[in-house]
Amino acid sequence: MKIGIIGGSGLEKLDVFQNAKEIIMETPFGKPSSPIIWGKINGTEVFIISRHGRNHEIMPSNVNYRANISALKKLGVTHIIATTACGGLKESIKPGDFVILNQFIDRTTKRISTFYDKNKVCHISMAEPFCEKLRKILIKAGKELKLRIHEKGTVVTIEGPRFSTRAESNLFRQWKADVINMSTVPECVLAREAGICYAAIAMSTDYDCWHVSKVPVTAEMILSVMKKNAENVTKLILESVKKINFEECECKKAVKSALI
């Protein structure tokens, strides 16, 4: 069992190891977003990659999602815990809250969302896009730490890098989406194709722009909230890693029946 952690906005330099080692990799899809940091937590090998680069220099559409997931797969990663900053689309999801995602709505337009764009076609099932076993571990760990955890949530992933108009934000609320971000798709899809269990911790940093009584979201606002709550995110990751057990999961088998 090996765990991959994908650090999102505000967590580019996640420091959880005492004796870390840096790994530089190449994949058939190019270089990953950052060097991969290796270490151990409770005897389990853990690999950390910064989705947007170590200095947050890669915008969402330019993230090499295929290289990131391919590199983790090559290293033998069996489970991925991803973190992502998001805007809350409901009053009940306050800045600083955690949402353990269970569904997504894809509003991206420019990204390659499959490893199989040549010679083979992969019609991967995404009815339940996040690993349920891994989600339950995150929820349990969050409750034990007494964090504000929402056990389910549908995320709308937009192309970015711009934020939504108020009209768009209200449309997504009509769709009954819970949060909005720019990074879950195609990362989640590629993990499923790679046979890796994947779950995401979405941390609400703002109310997007639908909430007329609040200031519309800014990049500065997102990073400020993430910085304040980085300690809680780290605690949640560490506690969850301790609880993960290697067992058979449908995530690992899905691609076998999806290839044509």
C-alpha atoms as a PDB file:
ATOM      1  CA  MET A   1       0.000   0.000   0.000  1.00  0.00           C
ATOM      2  CA  LYS A   2       1.325   3.428  -0.994  1.00  0.00           C
ATOM      3  CA  ILE A   3      -0.469   6.737  -0.545  1.00  0.00           C
ATOM      4  CA  GLY A   4      -0.369   9.714  -2.902  1.00  0.00           C
ATOM      5  CA  ILE A   5      -1.273  13.197  -1.693  1.00  0.00           C
ATOM      6  CA  ILE A   6      -2.042  15.912  -4.224  1.00  0.00           C
ATOM      7  CA  GLY A   7      -1.702  19.349  -2.649  1.00  0.00           C
ATOM      8  CA  GLY A   8      -3.910  22.070  -4.047  1.00  0.00           C
ATOM      9  CA  SER A   9      -3.970  25.855  -3.666  1.00  0.00           C
ATOM     10  CA  GLY A  10      -2.419  26.936  -0.365  1.00  0.00           C
ATOM     11  CA  LEU A  11      -0.881  23.506   0.226  1.00  0.00           C
ATOM     12  CA  GLU A  12       1.874  23.552  -2.370  1.00  0.00           C
ATOM     13  CA  LYS A  13       4.546  22.950   0.272  1.00  0.00           C
ATOM     14  CA  LEU A  14       2.830  20.435   2.518  1.00  0.00           C
ATOM     15  CA  ASP A  15       5.390  19.511   5.173  1.00  0.00           C
ATOM     16  CA  VAL A  16       4.536  16.230   6.905  1.00  0.00           C
ATOM     17  CA  PHE A  17       7.833  14.314   6.808  1.00  0.00           C
ATOM     18  CA  GLN A  18      10.900  14.404   9.031  1.00  0.00           C
ATOM     19  CA  ASN A  19      13.218  12.702   6.522  1.00  0.00           C
ATOM     20  CA  ALA A  20      11.863  13.653   3.116  1.00  0.00           C
ATOM     21  CA  LYS A  21      13.389  12.706  -0.226  1.00  0.00           C
ATOM     22  CA  GLU A  22      12.775  14.507  -3.530  1.00  0.00           C
ATOM     23  CA  ILE A  23      12.052  12.425  -6.637  1.00  0.00           C
ATOM     24  CA  ILE A  24      12.348  13.874 -10.156  1.00  0.00           C
ATOM     25  CA  MET A  25      10.289  11.943 -12.704  1.00  0.00           C
ATOM     26  CA  GLU A  26       9.451  11.782 -16.392  1.00  0.00           C
ATOM     27  CA  THR A  27       6.355  10.053 -17.748  1.00  0.00           C
ATOM     28  CA  PRO A  28       5.071   9.219 -21.258  1.00  0.00           C
ATOM     29  CA  PHE A  29       2.904  12.345 -20.833  1.00  0.00           C
ATOM     30  CA  GLY A  30       5.705  14.690 -19.791  1.00  0.00           C
ATOM     31  CA  LYS A  31       6.870  15.998 -16.426  1.00  0.00           C
ATOM     32  CA  PRO A  32       4.598  16.135 -13.366  1.00  0.00           C
ATOM     33  CA  SER A  33       3.681  19.525 -11.913  1.00  0.00           C
ATOM     34  CA  SER A  34       6.429  19.335  -9.309  1.00  0.00           C
ATOM     35  CA  PRO A  35       9.147  17.089  -7.923  1.00  0.00           C
ATOM     36  CA  ILE A  36       7.531  14.355  -5.834  1.00  0.00           C
ATOM     37  CA  ILE A  37       8.300  14.377  -2.121  1.00  0.00           C
ATOM     38  CA  TRP A  38       8.682  10.919  -0.558  1.00  0.00           C
ATOM     39  CA  GLY A  39       8.519   9.930   3.078  1.00  0.00           C
ATOM     40  CA  LYS A  40       6.806   7.591   5.512  1.00  0.00           C
ATOM     41  CA  ILE A  41       3.855   8.041   7.873  1.00  0.00           C
ATOM     42  CA  ASN A  42       3.402   5.231  10.407  1.00  0.00           C
ATOM     43  CA  GLY A  43       5.549   3.004   8.205  1.00  0.00           C
ATOM     44  CA  THR A  44       3.463   3.640   5.076  1.00  0.00           C
ATOM     45  CA  GLU A  45       5.154   5.158   2.030  1.00  0.00           C
ATOM     46  CA  VAL A  46       3.619   8.489   1.068  1.00  0.00           C
ATOM     47  CA  PHE A  47       4.251  10.580  -2.063  1.00  0.00           C
ATOM     48  CA  ILE A  48       3.286  14.259  -2.265  1.00  0.00           C
ATOM     49  CA  ILE A  49       2.874  16.235  -5.476  1.00  0.00           C
ATOM     50  CA  SER A  50       1.954  19.931  -5.789  1.00  0.00           C
ATOM     51  CA  ARG A  51      -0.803  20.235  -8.387  1.00  0.00           C
ATOM     52  CA  HIS A  52      -0.023  23.843  -9.355  1.00  0.00           C
ATOM     53  CA  GLY A  53       3.738  23.642  -8.859  1.00  0.00           C
ATOM     54  CA  ARG A  54       5.705  24.394  -5.697  1.00  0.00           C
ATOM     55  CA  ASN A  55       5.248  28.138  -6.221  1.00  0.00           C
ATOM     56  CA  HIS A  56       1.706  27.977  -7.607  1.00  0.00           C
ATOM     57  CA  GLU A  57       2.907  28.879 -11.091  1.00  0.00           C
ATOM     58  CA  ILE A  58       0.654  26.514 -13.104  1.00  0.00           C
ATOM     59  CA  MET A  59      -2.910  27.606 -13.836  1.00  0.00           C
ATOM     60  CA  PRO A  60      -5.649  24.928 -13.653  1.00  0.00           C
ATOM     61  CA  SER A  61      -5.969  24.350 -17.408  1.00  0.00           C
ATOM     62  CA  ASN A  62      -2.208  23.936 -17.789  1.00  0.00           C
ATOM     63  CA  VAL A  63      -1.764  21.351 -15.034  1.00  0.00           C
ATOM     64  CA  ASN A  64      -0.390  18.167 -16.576  1.00  0.00           C
ATOM     65  CA  TYR A  65      -2.969  15.932 -14.900  1.00  0.00           C
ATOM     66  CA  ARG A  66      -1.972  12.891 -16.945  1.00  0.00           C
ATOM     67  CA  ALA A  67       1.692  13.200 -15.969  1.00  0.00           C
ATOM     68  CA  ASN A  68       0.795  13.673 -12.296  1.00  0.00           C
ATOM     69  CA  ILE A  69      -1.397  10.563 -12.096  1.00  0.00           C
ATOM     70  CA  SER A  70       0.949   8.564 -14.341  1.00  0.00           C
ATOM     71  CA  ALA A  71       3.903   9.371 -12.064  1.00  0.00           C
ATOM     72  CA  LEU A  72       2.022   8.294  -8.943  1.00  0.00           C
ATOM     73  CA  LYS A  73       0.918   5.093 -10.676  1.00  0.00           C
ATOM     74  CA  LYS A  74       4.510   4.352 -11.701  1.00  0.00           C
ATOM     75  CA  LEU A  75       5.585   4.760  -8.063  1.00  0.00           C
ATOM     76  CA  GLY A  76       3.045   2.119  -7.053  1.00  0.00           C
ATOM     77  CA  VAL A  77       0.527   4.438  -5.412  1.00  0.00           C
ATOM     78  CA  THR A  78      -2.708   2.614  -4.521  1.00  0.00           C
ATOM     79  CA  HIS A  79      -4.684   5.476  -2.901  1.00  0.00           C
ATOM     80  CA  ILE A  80      -4.804   9.213  -3.574  1.00  0.00           C
ATOM     81  CA  ILE A  81      -6.012  11.888  -1.181  1.00  0.00           C
ATOM     82  CA  ALA A  82      -6.415  15.162  -3.063  1.00  0.00           C
ATOM     83  CA  THR A  83      -6.953  18.594  -1.543  1.00  0.00           C
ATOM     84  CA  THR A  84      -8.714  21.403  -3.342  1.00  0.00           C
ATOM     85  CA  ALA A  85      -9.820  24.927  -2.526  1.00  0.00           C
ATOM     86  CA  CYS A  86     -13.442  25.563  -3.436  1.00  0.00           C
ATOM     87  CA  GLY A  87     -16.213  28.121  -3.244  1.00  0.00           C
ATOM     88  CA  GLY A  88     -19.339  27.289  -1.288  1.00  0.00           C
ATOM     89  CA  LEU A  89     -22.594  27.381  -3.268  1.00  0.00           C
ATOM     90  CA  LYS A  90     -24.773  26.942  -0.189  1.00  0.00           C
ATOM     91  CA  GLU A  91     -25.139  29.087   2.933  1.00  0.00           C
ATOM     92  CA  SER A  92     -24.505  26.027   5.094  1.00  0.00           C
ATOM     93  CA  ILE A  93     -21.013  25.481   3.639  1.00  0.00           C
ATOM     94  CA  LYS A  94     -19.045  28.174   5.422  1.00  0.00           C
ATOM     95  CA  PRO A  95     -15.478  29.295   4.700  1.00  0.00           C
ATOM     96  CA  GLY A  96     -13.168  26.880   6.517  1.00  0.00           C
ATOM     97  CA  ASP A  97     -15.578  23.927   6.250  1.00  0.00           C
ATOM     98  CA  PHE A  98     -14.479  20.631   4.699  1.00  0.00           C
ATOM     99  CA  VAL A  99     -16.557  18.813   2.086  1.00  0.00           C
ATOM    100  CA  ILE A 100     -15.785  15.176   1.264  1.00  0.00           C
ATOM    101  CA  LEU A 101     -16.861  15.150  -2.373  1.00  0.00           C
ATOM    102  CA  ASN A 102     -19.028  12.365  -3.774  1.00  0.00           C
ATOM    103  CA  GLN A 103     -20.092  13.741  -7.199  1.00  0.00           C
ATOM    104  CA  PHE A 104     -18.878  16.192  -9.827  1.00  0.00           C
ATOM    105  CA  ILE A 105     -20.292  18.193 -12.726  1.00  0.00           C
ATOM    106  CA  ASP A 106     -17.720  18.791 -15.457  1.00  0.00           C
ATOM    107  CA  ARG A 107     -17.732  22.284 -16.965  1.00  0.00           C
ATOM    108  CA  THR A 108     -14.197  22.150 -18.359  1.00  0.00           C
ATOM    109  CA  THR A 109     -13.599  22.424 -22.094  1.00  0.00           C
ATOM    110  CA  LYS A 110      -9.851  22.302 -22.838  1.00  0.00           C
ATOM    111  CA  ARG A 111      -8.476  19.292 -20.949  1.00  0.00           C
ATOM    112  CA  ILE A 112      -7.554  15.784 -22.040  1.00  0.00           C
ATOM    113  CA  SER A 113      -9.476  13.541 -19.662  1.00  0.00           C
ATOM    114  CA  THR A 114      -8.188  10.093 -20.642  1.00  0.00           C
ATOM    115  CA  PHE A 115      -4.933   8.170 -20.946  1.00  0.00           C
ATOM    116  CA  TYR A 116      -6.419   6.304 -23.924  1.00  0.00           C
ATOM    117  CA  ASP A 117      -6.468   8.865 -26.729  1.00  0.00           C
ATOM    118  CA  LYS A 118      -4.614   6.572 -29.180  1.00  0.00           C
ATOM    119  CA  ASN A 119      -5.170   2.972 -30.321  1.00  0.00           C
ATOM    120  CA  LYS A 120      -7.724   2.190 -27.587  1.00  0.00           C
ATOM    121  CA  VAL A 121     -10.914   3.805 -26.311  1.00  0.00           C
ATOM    122  CA  CYS A 122     -11.778   3.810 -22.592  1.00  0.00           C
ATOM    123  CA  HIS A 123     -15.423   4.286 -21.630  1.00  0.00           C
ATOM    124  CA  ILE A 124     -14.782   4.384 -17.880  1.00  0.00           C
ATOM    125  CA  SER A 125     -17.771   4.306 -15.521  1.00  0.00           C
ATOM    126  CA  MET A 126     -18.006   7.444 -13.387  1.00  0.00           C
ATOM    127  CA  ALA A 127     -21.423   6.924 -11.832  1.00  0.00           C
ATOM    128  CA  GLU A 128     -19.709   7.039  -8.417  1.00  0.00           C
ATOM    129  CA  PRO A 129     -16.546   9.008  -9.221  1.00  0.00           C
ATOM    130  CA  PHE A 130     -14.917   8.989  -5.768  1.00  0.00           C
ATOM    131  CA  CYS A 131     -13.790   5.913  -3.828  1.00  0.00           C
ATOM    132  CA  GLU A 132     -16.481   5.278  -1.218  1.00  0.00           C
ATOM    133  CA  LYS A 133     -14.134   3.360   1.096  1.00  0.00           C
ATOM    134  CA  LEU A 134     -11.626   6.198   1.098  1.00  0.00           C
ATOM    135  CA  ARG A 135     -14.373   8.800   1.548  1.00  0.00           C
ATOM    136  CA  LYS A 136     -15.597   7.025   4.688  1.00  0.00           C
ATOM    137  CA  ILE A 137     -12.085   7.079   6.126  1.00  0.00           C
ATOM    138  CA  LEU A 138     -11.821  10.837   5.548  1.00  0.00           C
ATOM    139  CA  ILE A 139     -15.237  11.419   7.125  1.00  0.00           C
ATOM    140  CA  LYS A 140     -14.391   9.305  10.180  1.00  0.00           C
ATOM    141  CA  ALA A 141     -11.044  11.040  10.655  1.00  0.00           C
ATOM    142  CA  GLY A 142     -12.648  14.469  10.311  1.00  0.00           C
ATOM    143  CA  LYS A 143     -15.296  13.693  12.908  1.00  0.00           C
ATOM    144  CA  GLU A 144     -12.705  12.364  15.355  1.00  0.00           C
ATOM    145  CA  LEU A 145     -10.764  15.614  14.931  1.00  0.00           C
ATOM    146  CA  LYS A 146     -14.024  17.555  15.484  1.00  0.00           C
ATOM    147  CA  LEU A 147     -13.711  19.438  12.205  1.00  0.00           C
ATOM    148  CA  ARG A 148     -16.685  20.909  10.360  1.00  0.00           C
ATOM    149  CA  ILE A 149     -17.181  18.076   7.869  1.00  0.00           C
ATOM    150  CA  HIS A 150     -19.875  17.776   5.199  1.00  0.00           C
ATOM    151  CA  GLU A 151     -20.152  14.092   4.338  1.00  0.00           C
ATOM    152  CA  LYS A 152     -21.329  14.615   0.749  1.00  0.00           C
ATOM    153  CA  GLY A 153     -20.981  17.272  -1.877  1.00  0.00           C
ATOM    154  CA  THR A 154     -21.282  17.806  -5.618  1.00  0.00           C
ATOM    155  CA  VAL A 155     -18.505  19.944  -7.060  1.00  0.00           C
ATOM    156  CA  VAL A 156     -18.765  21.913 -10.284  1.00  0.00           C
ATOM    157  CA  THR A 157     -15.336  22.025 -11.917  1.00  0.00           C
ATOM    158  CA  ILE A 158     -15.018  25.044 -14.192  1.00  0.00           C
ATOM    159  CA  GLU A 159     -12.241  25.734 -16.682  1.00  0.00           C
ATOM    160  CA  GLY A 160     -10.865  28.866 -15.041  1.00  0.00           C
ATOM    161  CA  PRO A 161      -8.632  30.641 -14.417  1.00  0.00           C
ATOM    162  CA  ARG A 162     -11.324  33.304 -14.166  1.00  0.00           C
ATOM    163  CA  PHE A 163     -13.968  33.078 -11.471  1.00  0.00           C
ATOM    164  CA  SER A 164     -17.675  32.714 -12.303  1.00  0.00           C
ATOM    165  CA  THR A 165     -20.092  35.489 -13.159  1.00  0.00           C
ATOM    166  CA  ARG A 166     -22.929  35.901 -10.676  1.00  0.00           C
ATOM    167  CA  ALA A 167     -25.319  34.472 -13.297  1.00  0.00           C
ATOM    168  CA  GLU A 168     -23.160  31.336 -13.629  1.00  0.00           C
ATOM    169  CA  SER A 169     -22.846  30.989  -9.868  1.00  0.00           C
ATOM    170  CA  ASN A 170     -26.620  31.132  -9.458  1.00  0.00           C
ATOM    171  CA  LEU A 171     -27.081  28.628 -12.308  1.00  0.00           C
ATOM    172  CA  PHE A 172     -24.829  26.133 -10.507  1.00  0.00           C
ATOM    173  CA  ARG A 173     -26.908  26.665  -7.358  1.00  0.00           C
ATOM    174  CA  GLN A 174     -30.042  25.820  -9.375  1.00  0.00           C
ATOM    175  CA  TRP A 175     -28.316  22.590 -10.376  1.00  0.00           C
ATOM    176  CA  LYS A 176     -28.046  21.827  -6.634  1.00  0.00           C
ATOM    177  CA  ALA A 177     -24.249  21.779  -6.716  1.00  0.00           C
ATOM    178  CA  ASP A 178     -22.584  22.311  -3.347  1.00  0.00           C
ATOM    179  CA  VAL A 179     -19.156  23.723  -4.179  1.00  0.00           C
ATOM    180  CA  ILE A 180     -17.168  24.994  -7.154  1.00  0.00           C
ATOM    181  CA  ASN A 181     -13.496  24.576  -8.094  1.00  0.00           C
ATOM    182  CA  MET A 182     -11.121  24.327 -11.069  1.00  0.00           C
ATOM    183  CA  SER A 183      -9.205  21.088 -10.546  1.00  0.00           C
ATOM    184  CA  THR A 184     -11.189  17.920  -9.740  1.00  0.00           C
ATOM    185  CA  VAL A 185     -11.744  17.067 -13.412  1.00  0.00           C
ATOM    186  CA  PRO A 186      -9.922  15.359 -15.095  1.00  0.00           C
ATOM    187  CA  GLU A 187      -7.764  14.355 -12.100  1.00  0.00           C
ATOM    188  CA  CYS A 188     -10.504  12.181 -10.619  1.00  0.00           C
ATOM    189  CA  VAL A 189     -11.234  10.486 -13.966  1.00  0.00           C
ATOM    190  CA  LEU A 190      -7.573   9.700 -14.664  1.00  0.00           C
ATOM    191  CA  ALA A 191      -7.150   8.150 -11.218  1.00  0.00           C
ATOM    192  CA  ARG A 192     -10.060   5.810 -11.991  1.00  0.00           C
ATOM    193  CA  GLU A 193      -8.496   4.860 -15.342  1.00  0.00           C
ATOM    194  CA  ALA A 194      -5.226   4.172 -13.506  1.00  0.00           C
ATOM    195  CA  GLY A 195      -6.990   1.899 -11.006  1.00  0.00           C
ATOM    196  CA  ILE A 196      -6.159   4.131  -8.032  1.00  0.00           C
ATOM    197  CA  CYS A 197      -8.628   4.786  -5.222  1.00  0.00           C
ATOM    198  CA  TYR A 198      -9.221   8.556  -5.172  1.00  0.00           C
ATOM    199  CA  ALA A 199     -10.988  10.861  -2.735  1.00  0.00           C
ATOM    200  CA  ALA A 200     -10.916  14.636  -2.378  1.00  0.00           C
ATOM    201  CA  ILE A 201     -10.989  16.986   0.585  1.00  0.00           C
ATOM    202  CA  ALA A 202     -12.583  20.212  -0.627  1.00  0.00           C
ATOM    203  CA  MET A 203     -12.089  23.166   1.686  1.00  0.00           C
ATOM    204  CA  SER A 204     -14.508  26.024   1.343  1.00  0.00           C
ATOM    205  CA  THR A 205     -12.704  29.362   1.211  1.00  0.00           C
ATOM    206  CA  ASP A 206     -15.511  31.700   0.148  1.00  0.00           C
ATOM    207  CA  TYR A 207     -19.102  31.979  -1.138  1.00  0.00           C
ATOM    208  CA  ASP A 208     -18.089  32.347  -4.808  1.00  0.00           C
ATOM    209  CA  CYS A 209     -20.047  35.426  -5.977  1.00  0.00           C
ATOM    210  CA  TRP A 210     -23.702  34.376  -5.611  1.00  0.00           C
ATOM    211  CA  HIS A 211     -23.880  35.653  -2.011  1.00  0.00           C
ATOM    212  CA  VAL A 212     -24.611  39.346  -2.598  1.00  0.00           C
ATOM    213  CA  SER A 213     -24.071  40.254   1.070  1.00  0.00           C
ATOM    214  CA  LYS A 214     -20.497  38.950   0.925  1.00  0.00           C
ATOM    215  CA  VAL A 215     -17.461  40.225  -0.977  1.00  0.00           C
ATOM    216  CA  PRO A 216     -17.016  38.303  -4.298  1.00  0.00           C
ATOM    217  CA  VAL A 217     -14.209  35.752  -4.234  1.00  0.00           C
ATOM    218  CA  THR A 218     -10.615  36.841  -4.909  1.00  0.00           C
ATOM    219  CA  ALA A 219      -7.371  34.851  -5.141  1.00  0.00           C
ATOM    220  CA  GLU A 220      -6.104  36.654  -2.037  1.00  0.00           C
ATOM    221  CA  MET A 221      -9.199  35.548  -0.102  1.00  0.00           C
ATOM    222  CA  ILE A 222      -8.676  31.879  -1.054  1.00  0.00           C
ATOM    223  CA  LEU A 223      -5.027  31.808  -0.020  1.00  0.00           C
ATOM    224  CA  SER A 224      -5.752  33.635   3.233  1.00  0.00           C
ATOM    225  CA  VAL A 225      -8.365  31.077   4.341  1.00  0.00           C
ATOM    226  CA  MET A 226      -6.218  28.144   3.207  1.00  0.00           C
ATOM    227  CA  LYS A 227      -3.266  29.480   5.191  1.00  0.00           C
ATOM    228  CA  LYS A 228      -5.375  29.794   8.342  1.00  0.00           C
ATOM    229  CA  ASN A 229      -6.758  26.270   7.962  1.00  0.00           C
ATOM    230  CA  ALA A 230      -3.605  24.508   6.682  1.00  0.00           C
ATOM    231  CA  GLU A 231      -3.031  22.955  10.105  1.00  0.00           C
ATOM    232  CA  ASN A 232      -6.481  21.338  10.085  1.00  0.00           C
ATOM    233  CA  VAL A 233      -6.013  20.001   6.544  1.00  0.00           C
ATOM    234  CA  THR A 234      -2.670  18.495   7.557  1.00  0.00           C
ATOM    235  CA  LYS A 235      -4.188  16.874  10.649  1.00  0.00           C
ATOM    236  CA  LEU A 236      -6.995  15.397   8.557  1.00  0.00           C
ATOM    237  CA  ILE A 237      -4.552  13.947   6.024  1.00  0.00           C
ATOM    238  CA  LEU A 238      -2.270  12.456   8.683  1.00  0.00           C
ATOM    239  CA  GLU A 239      -5.142  10.895  10.605  1.00  0.00           C
ATOM    240  CA  SER A 240      -6.675   9.486   7.413  1.00  0.00           C
ATOM    241  CA  VAL A 241      -3.406   7.934   6.211  1.00  0.00           C
ATOM    242  CA  LYS A 242      -3.190   6.006   9.497  1.00  0.00           C
ATOM    243  CA  LYS A 243      -6.635   4.490   8.859  1.00  0.00           C
ATOM    244  CA  ILE A 244      -6.193   3.350   5.245  1.00  0.00           C
ATOM    245  CA  ASN A 245      -6.015  -0.413   4.761  1.00  0.00           C
ATOM    246  CA  PHE A 246      -5.142  -2.184   1.555  1.00  0.00           C
ATOM    247  CA  GLU A 247      -8.166  -4.147   0.365  1.00  0.00           C
ATOM    248  CA  GLU A 248      -9.850  -5.022  -2.877  1.00  0.00           C
ATOM    249  CA  CYS A 249     -11.874  -2.175  -4.331  1.00  0.00           C
ATOM    250  CA  GLU A 250     -13.908  -1.680  -7.489  1.00  0.00           C
ATOM    251  CA  CYS A 251     -11.798   1.409  -8.279  1.00  0.00           C
ATOM    252  CA  LYS A 252      -8.900  -0.898  -9.106  1.00  0.00           C
ATOM    253  CA  LYS A 253     -10.939  -3.051 -11.490  1.00  0.00           C
ATOM    254  CA  ALA A 254     -13.062  -0.484 -13.345  1.00  0.00           C
ATOM    255  CA  VAL A 255     -10.754  -0.003 -16.303  1.00  0.00           C
ATOM    256  CA  LYS A 256     -10.688  -3.736 -17.148  1.00  0.00           C
ATOM    257  CA  SER A 257     -14.245  -3.676 -18.465  1.00  0.00           C
ATOM    258  CA  ALA A 258     -13.991  -0.179 -19.962  1.00  0.00           C
ATOM    259  CA  LEU A 259     -11.457  -0.683 -22.759  1.00  0.00           C
ATOM    260  CA  ILE A 260     -12.470  -1.235 -26.368  1.00  0.00           C
END
